[in-house]
Amino acid sequence: MLEIVNQMYIEGKITDKPTHGLIVCIPKKPKPTRPEDYRPPTLLSVDIKLLTRVIANRLSPWLTTLLTRISIVEYTGTQFSRP
């Protein structure tokens, strides 16, 4: 994992592999009949999830000062916004 992150830092780009996801349709109710009856989560690789979590945790103390007047961000169930 550390080797992947270091490579991304040195090259300044994320490789294609961790950014690809698999979209699956999970029914919201027992007998779905419409597209709205499904949840479409994207399954990502663990390394990109860890990387984004680390970056988000490091940025979270500054989010309220970094956001512009019209910015709205939702992070782990907490909404940060500036009117």
Protein backbone atom coordinates (compact mmCIF):
# COMPACT_ATOMS: atom_id res chain seq x y z
CA MET A 1 0.00 0.00 0.00
CA LEU A 2 2.77 2.43 0.94
CA GLU A 3 4.54 1.73 -2.35
CA ILE A 4 1.38 2.56 -4.31
CA VAL A 5 0.84 5.82 -2.40
CA ASN A 6 4.50 6.82 -2.80
CA GLN A 7 4.33 6.13 -6.53
CA MET A 8 1.21 8.31 -6.84
CA TYR A 9 2.92 11.11 -4.85
CA ILE A 10 6.12 11.01 -6.94
CA GLU A 11 4.37 10.79 -10.31
CA GLY A 12 1.57 13.17 -9.34
CA LYS A 13 -1.17 10.92 -10.69
CA ILE A 14 -3.32 8.02 -9.62
CA THR A 15 -2.97 4.78 -11.55
CA ASP A 16 -6.03 3.51 -13.42
CA LYS A 17 -6.48 0.34 -11.39
CA PRO A 18 -7.58 1.81 -8.03
CA THR A 19 -9.92 4.32 -9.67
CA HIS A 20 -12.06 1.71 -11.43
CA GLY A 21 -15.15 0.52 -9.62
CA LEU A 22 -17.87 -2.05 -10.05
CA ILE A 23 -21.44 -0.72 -9.88
CA VAL A 24 -23.90 -3.24 -8.48
CA CYS A 25 -27.64 -2.90 -8.06
CA ILE A 26 -28.96 -3.81 -4.62
CA PRO A 27 -32.74 -3.95 -4.22
CA LYS A 28 -34.27 -1.57 -1.66
CA LYS A 29 -37.33 -3.76 -1.22
CA PRO A 30 -38.17 -7.46 -1.68
CA LYS A 31 -39.72 -7.28 -5.18
CA PRO A 32 -38.26 -4.33 -7.08
CA THR A 33 -40.03 -3.35 -10.29
CA ARG A 34 -38.55 0.08 -11.15
CA PRO A 35 -35.00 1.43 -11.36
CA GLU A 36 -35.76 3.67 -8.34
CA ASP A 37 -36.21 0.48 -6.27
CA TYR A 38 -32.45 -0.21 -6.44
CA ARG A 39 -29.39 1.27 -4.75
CA PRO A 40 -26.36 1.57 -7.07
CA PRO A 41 -23.27 1.50 -4.80
CA THR A 42 -19.86 1.41 -6.41
CA LEU A 43 -17.43 -1.20 -5.14
CA LEU A 44 -13.90 0.25 -5.06
CA SER A 45 -10.60 -1.34 -4.20
CA VAL A 46 -9.49 -1.07 -0.58
CA ASP A 47 -6.37 0.96 -1.35
CA ILE A 48 -8.28 3.87 -2.89
CA LYS A 49 -10.77 3.80 0.00
CA LEU A 50 -7.94 4.04 2.53
CA LEU A 51 -6.20 6.78 0.60
CA THR A 52 -9.33 8.91 0.28
CA ARG A 53 -10.13 8.42 3.97
CA VAL A 54 -6.64 9.53 5.00
CA ILE A 55 -6.81 12.60 2.77
CA ALA A 56 -10.32 13.48 3.99
CA ASN A 57 -9.31 13.11 7.64
CA ARG A 58 -6.30 15.35 7.14
CA LEU A 59 -8.35 18.01 5.34
CA SER A 60 -11.38 17.98 7.65
CA PRO A 61 -10.02 20.51 10.20
CA TRP A 62 -9.70 23.11 7.41
CA LEU A 63 -12.85 22.36 5.41
CA THR A 64 -14.95 25.16 6.86
CA THR A 65 -12.26 27.75 6.08
CA LEU A 66 -11.52 26.36 2.60
CA LEU A 67 -15.11 26.32 1.36
CA THR A 68 -16.41 29.20 -0.69
CA ARG A 69 -19.72 30.88 0.01
CA ILE A 70 -21.64 28.46 -2.23
CA SER A 71 -19.71 25.29 -1.42
CA ILE A 72 -21.43 22.37 0.23
CA VAL A 73 -19.60 19.17 1.13
CA GLU A 74 -20.90 16.06 2.85
CA TYR A 75 -18.30 14.01 4.66
CA THR A 76 -19.12 10.93 6.76
CA GLY A 77 -22.63 12.10 7.51
CA THR A 78 -21.61 15.62 8.51
CA GLN A 79 -22.54 18.48 6.22
CA PHE A 80 -20.15 21.43 6.01
CA SER A 81 -21.53 24.53 4.35
CA ARG A 82 -21.05 28.25 4.34
CA PRO A 83 -24.05 30.51 3.58
